Amino acid sequence: MRPPGFGEQYQDFLFRYSQMTDEELLKLAREAWTLSDSAWDALEDELDRRNLELPEAEAPPPVCLPEMRKLVVLRRFREIHEALLARGRLESSGIECFLADENMVRMDWFISNLLGGVKLLVEPGDFTRASRILNEPADDFDADTCEP
């Protein structure tokens, strides 16, 4: 079963392919993994119309999965704004950190306790320094003059 609009897409691709050179069509055929079903069907028909041999497809590029990182929970916050302030403080000090369960609590703040709050995660090597930064008292700030 074809998805809705398949015929219109097919016709659009067929028109586009009719405007392309043989070399451009053959290059597309070698990169078959990049094409949708309607694009591939139109390409095959255009290659047949021009009596061009279908080239052997190249292998798709390898997929590189991101490396899993071992992060530790530095703090837990019931309120999102507290977690955001702590994250901002660490990031401004050059420590990479992440918030876990932030979006879940945003959607339904009532489940914050159930999830264990919003968790502030850091690399194990940054734990001591990050903890020290968050334990320091915040400087007084004069909002009128924007100076400490």
C-alpha atoms as a PDB file:
ATOM      1  CA  MET A   1       0.000   0.000   0.000  1.00  0.00           C
ATOM      2  CA  ARG A   2       1.390   3.374  -1.015  1.00  0.00           C
ATOM      3  CA  PRO A   3       1.204   6.389   1.299  1.00  0.00           C
ATOM      4  CA  PRO A   4      -1.101   9.290   0.392  1.00  0.00           C
ATOM      5  CA  GLY A   5       0.464  11.695  -2.088  1.00  0.00           C
ATOM      6  CA  PHE A   6       2.823   9.032  -3.458  1.00  0.00           C
ATOM      7  CA  GLY A   7       1.719   9.673  -7.048  1.00  0.00           C
ATOM      8  CA  GLU A   8       2.265  13.431  -6.784  1.00  0.00           C
ATOM      9  CA  GLN A   9       5.714  12.937  -5.269  1.00  0.00           C
ATOM     10  CA  TYR A  10       6.559  10.374  -7.929  1.00  0.00           C
ATOM     11  CA  GLN A  11       5.597  12.812 -10.694  1.00  0.00           C
ATOM     12  CA  ASP A  12       7.652  15.594  -9.082  1.00  0.00           C
ATOM     13  CA  PHE A  13      10.712  13.337  -8.897  1.00  0.00           C
ATOM     14  CA  LEU A  14      10.179  12.111 -12.442  1.00  0.00           C
ATOM     15  CA  PHE A  15      10.134  15.703 -13.704  1.00  0.00           C
ATOM     16  CA  ARG A  16      13.273  16.589 -11.711  1.00  0.00           C
ATOM     17  CA  TYR A  17      15.129  13.531 -12.923  1.00  0.00           C
ATOM     18  CA  SER A  18      14.218  14.273 -16.543  1.00  0.00           C
ATOM     19  CA  GLN A  19      16.122  17.569 -16.173  1.00  0.00           C
ATOM     20  CA  MET A  20      19.288  15.901 -14.806  1.00  0.00           C
ATOM     21  CA  THR A  21      22.298  14.597 -16.701  1.00  0.00           C
ATOM     22  CA  ASP A  22      23.107  10.897 -16.946  1.00  0.00           C
ATOM     23  CA  GLU A  23      26.038  11.304 -14.555  1.00  0.00           C
ATOM     24  CA  GLU A  24      23.844  12.976 -11.937  1.00  0.00           C
ATOM     25  CA  LEU A  25      21.283  10.174 -12.182  1.00  0.00           C
ATOM     26  CA  LEU A  26      23.933   7.474 -11.850  1.00  0.00           C
ATOM     27  CA  LYS A  27      25.396   9.226  -8.812  1.00  0.00           C
ATOM     28  CA  LEU A  28      21.932   9.252  -7.204  1.00  0.00           C
ATOM     29  CA  ALA A  29      21.475   5.563  -7.975  1.00  0.00           C
ATOM     30  CA  ARG A  30      24.771   4.718  -6.252  1.00  0.00           C
ATOM     31  CA  GLU A  31      23.501   6.511  -3.109  1.00  0.00           C
ATOM     32  CA  ALA A  32      20.193   4.647  -3.010  1.00  0.00           C
ATOM     33  CA  TRP A  33      19.933   4.710   0.799  1.00  0.00           C
ATOM     34  CA  THR A  34      19.276   8.483   0.624  1.00  0.00           C
ATOM     35  CA  LEU A  35      16.124   8.156  -1.490  1.00  0.00           C
ATOM     36  CA  SER A  36      12.498   7.710  -0.482  1.00  0.00           C
ATOM     37  CA  ASP A  37      10.358   5.030  -2.138  1.00  0.00           C
ATOM     38  CA  SER A  38       8.760   7.455  -4.584  1.00  0.00           C
ATOM     39  CA  ALA A  39      12.158   8.985  -5.442  1.00  0.00           C
ATOM     40  CA  TRP A  40      13.665   5.543  -6.046  1.00  0.00           C
ATOM     41  CA  ASP A  41      10.747   4.397  -8.233  1.00  0.00           C
ATOM     42  CA  ALA A  42      10.999   7.561 -10.343  1.00  0.00           C
ATOM     43  CA  LEU A  43      14.771   7.176 -10.638  1.00  0.00           C
ATOM     44  CA  GLU A  44      14.470   3.570 -11.806  1.00  0.00           C
ATOM     45  CA  ASP A  45      11.912   4.574 -14.436  1.00  0.00           C
ATOM     46  CA  GLU A  46      14.070   7.459 -15.679  1.00  0.00           C
ATOM     47  CA  LEU A  47      17.126   5.174 -15.912  1.00  0.00           C
ATOM     48  CA  ASP A  48      15.023   2.658 -17.895  1.00  0.00           C
ATOM     49  CA  ARG A  49      13.756   5.439 -20.204  1.00  0.00           C
ATOM     50  CA  ARG A  50      17.350   6.446 -20.962  1.00  0.00           C
ATOM     51  CA  ASN A  51      18.511   2.809 -21.295  1.00  0.00           C
ATOM     52  CA  LEU A  52      21.080   3.300 -18.524  1.00  0.00           C
ATOM     53  CA  GLU A  53      22.347   0.367 -16.486  1.00  0.00           C
ATOM     54  CA  LEU A  54      21.562   0.507 -12.808  1.00  0.00           C
ATOM     55  CA  PRO A  55      24.950   0.863 -11.067  1.00  0.00           C
ATOM     56  CA  GLU A  56      25.848  -1.131  -8.005  1.00  0.00           C
ATOM     57  CA  ALA A  57      24.842   0.800  -4.908  1.00  0.00           C
ATOM     58  CA  GLU A  58      27.526   2.002  -2.560  1.00  0.00           C
ATOM     59  CA  ALA A  59      27.385   0.934   1.058  1.00  0.00           C
ATOM     60  CA  PRO A  60      25.814   3.527   3.332  1.00  0.00           C
ATOM     61  CA  PRO A  61      28.252   5.372   5.572  1.00  0.00           C
ATOM     62  CA  PRO A  62      28.844   3.686   8.924  1.00  0.00           C
ATOM     63  CA  VAL A  63      26.679   4.846  11.777  1.00  0.00           C
ATOM     64  CA  CYS A  64      28.673   6.162  14.716  1.00  0.00           C
ATOM     65  CA  LEU A  65      26.806   5.819  17.964  1.00  0.00           C
ATOM     66  CA  PRO A  66      27.646   8.266  20.707  1.00  0.00           C
ATOM     67  CA  GLU A  67      29.729   6.902  23.517  1.00  0.00           C
ATOM     68  CA  MET A  68      27.888   6.289  26.767  1.00  0.00           C
ATOM     69  CA  ARG A  69      29.227   8.471  29.540  1.00  0.00           C
ATOM     70  CA  LYS A  70      29.349   7.632  33.198  1.00  0.00           C
ATOM     71  CA  LEU A  71      27.767  10.571  35.003  1.00  0.00           C
ATOM     72  CA  VAL A  72      27.077  10.929  38.712  1.00  0.00           C
ATOM     73  CA  VAL A  73      24.278  12.757  40.474  1.00  0.00           C
ATOM     74  CA  LEU A  74      25.626  15.862  42.168  1.00  0.00           C
ATOM     75  CA  ARG A  75      22.340  17.229  43.519  1.00  0.00           C
ATOM     76  CA  ARG A  76      18.596  16.680  43.371  1.00  0.00           C
ATOM     77  CA  PHE A  77      16.131  19.556  43.179  1.00  0.00           C
ATOM     78  CA  ARG A  78      12.413  19.548  43.726  1.00  0.00           C
ATOM     79  CA  GLU A  79      11.966  22.803  41.802  1.00  0.00           C
ATOM     80  CA  ILE A  80      13.156  23.279  38.226  1.00  0.00           C
ATOM     81  CA  HIS A  81      14.275  26.872  38.724  1.00  0.00           C
ATOM     82  CA  GLU A  82      16.714  25.802  41.458  1.00  0.00           C
ATOM     83  CA  ALA A  83      18.192  23.149  39.157  1.00  0.00           C
ATOM     84  CA  LEU A  84      18.517  25.666  36.315  1.00  0.00           C
ATOM     85  CA  LEU A  85      20.324  28.145  38.565  1.00  0.00           C
ATOM     86  CA  ALA A  86      22.745  25.465  39.756  1.00  0.00           C
ATOM     87  CA  ARG A  87      23.379  24.297  36.197  1.00  0.00           C
ATOM     88  CA  GLY A  88      24.026  27.872  35.092  1.00  0.00           C
ATOM     89  CA  ARG A  89      26.452  28.407  37.941  1.00  0.00           C
ATOM     90  CA  LEU A  90      28.432  25.285  37.032  1.00  0.00           C
ATOM     91  CA  GLU A  91      28.423  26.012  33.312  1.00  0.00           C
ATOM     92  CA  SER A  92      29.652  29.565  33.920  1.00  0.00           C
ATOM     93  CA  SER A  93      32.532  27.995  35.864  1.00  0.00           C
ATOM     94  CA  GLY A  94      33.390  25.764  32.908  1.00  0.00           C
ATOM     95  CA  ILE A  95      31.943  22.517  34.252  1.00  0.00           C
ATOM     96  CA  GLU A  96      29.864  20.491  31.813  1.00  0.00           C
ATOM     97  CA  CYS A  97      26.665  19.308  33.466  1.00  0.00           C
ATOM     98  CA  PHE A  98      23.238  17.971  32.564  1.00  0.00           C
ATOM     99  CA  LEU A  99      19.758  17.893  34.065  1.00  0.00           C
ATOM    100  CA  ALA A 100      17.893  14.582  34.214  1.00  0.00           C
ATOM    101  CA  ASP A 101      14.100  14.354  34.447  1.00  0.00           C
ATOM    102  CA  GLU A 102      13.809  18.092  33.805  1.00  0.00           C
ATOM    103  CA  ASN A 103      11.234  17.668  31.043  1.00  0.00           C
ATOM    104  CA  MET A 104       9.180  15.161  33.018  1.00  0.00           C
ATOM    105  CA  VAL A 105       8.892  17.589  35.917  1.00  0.00           C
ATOM    106  CA  ARG A 106       8.088  20.421  33.490  1.00  0.00           C
ATOM    107  CA  MET A 107       5.194  18.424  32.086  1.00  0.00           C
ATOM    108  CA  ASP A 108       3.819  17.470  35.482  1.00  0.00           C
ATOM    109  CA  TRP A 109       5.497  19.068  38.505  1.00  0.00           C
ATOM    110  CA  PHE A 110       3.434  16.849  40.794  1.00  0.00           C
ATOM    111  CA  ILE A 111       5.598  13.804  39.951  1.00  0.00           C
ATOM    112  CA  SER A 112       8.834  15.514  40.979  1.00  0.00           C
ATOM    113  CA  ASN A 113       8.949  13.633  44.295  1.00  0.00           C
ATOM    114  CA  LEU A 114       8.110  10.354  42.588  1.00  0.00           C
ATOM    115  CA  LEU A 115      11.063  10.751  40.212  1.00  0.00           C
ATOM    116  CA  GLY A 116      13.425  11.894  42.920  1.00  0.00           C
ATOM    117  CA  GLY A 117      13.405  15.459  41.669  1.00  0.00           C
ATOM    118  CA  VAL A 118      15.414  17.034  38.887  1.00  0.00           C
ATOM    119  CA  LYS A 119      18.912  15.576  38.997  1.00  0.00           C
ATOM    120  CA  LEU A 120      22.051  17.583  38.280  1.00  0.00           C
ATOM    121  CA  LEU A 121      24.623  15.261  36.675  1.00  0.00           C
ATOM    122  CA  VAL A 122      28.368  15.809  36.273  1.00  0.00           C
ATOM    123  CA  GLU A 123      31.426  13.780  35.278  1.00  0.00           C
ATOM    124  CA  PRO A 124      32.953  11.910  38.252  1.00  0.00           C
ATOM    125  CA  GLY A 125      36.175  13.923  37.862  1.00  0.00           C
ATOM    126  CA  ASP A 126      34.265  17.196  38.235  1.00  0.00           C
ATOM    127  CA  PHE A 127      32.240  16.116  41.270  1.00  0.00           C
ATOM    128  CA  THR A 128      34.431  17.656  43.999  1.00  0.00           C
ATOM    129  CA  ARG A 129      34.995  20.947  42.197  1.00  0.00           C
ATOM    130  CA  ALA A 130      31.301  21.255  41.243  1.00  0.00           C
ATOM    131  CA  SER A 131      30.199  20.487  44.794  1.00  0.00           C
ATOM    132  CA  ARG A 132      32.560  23.135  46.150  1.00  0.00           C
ATOM    133  CA  ILE A 133      31.186  25.724  43.687  1.00  0.00           C
ATOM    134  CA  LEU A 134      27.585  25.028  44.652  1.00  0.00           C
ATOM    135  CA  ASN A 135      28.422  25.130  48.365  1.00  0.00           C
ATOM    136  CA  GLU A 136      29.937  28.602  48.083  1.00  0.00           C
ATOM    137  CA  PRO A 137      27.542  31.419  48.960  1.00  0.00           C
ATOM    138  CA  ALA A 138      26.302  33.456  46.021  1.00  0.00           C
ATOM    139  CA  ASP A 139      27.722  36.969  45.752  1.00  0.00           C
ATOM    140  CA  ASP A 140      25.419  39.876  46.492  1.00  0.00           C
ATOM    141  CA  PHE A 141      24.254  41.493  43.304  1.00  0.00           C
ATOM    142  CA  ASP A 142      22.727  44.930  42.868  1.00  0.00           C
ATOM    143  CA  ALA A 143      20.125  44.647  40.127  1.00  0.00           C
ATOM    144  CA  ASP A 144      19.885  48.432  39.707  1.00  0.00           C
ATOM    145  CA  THR A 145      23.526  48.980  38.811  1.00  0.00           C
ATOM    146  CA  CYS A 146      24.257  45.442  37.479  1.00  0.00           C
ATOM    147  CA  GLU A 147      27.382  45.330  39.656  1.00  0.00           C
ATOM    148  CA  PRO A 148      28.328  43.105  42.602  1.00  0.00           C
END
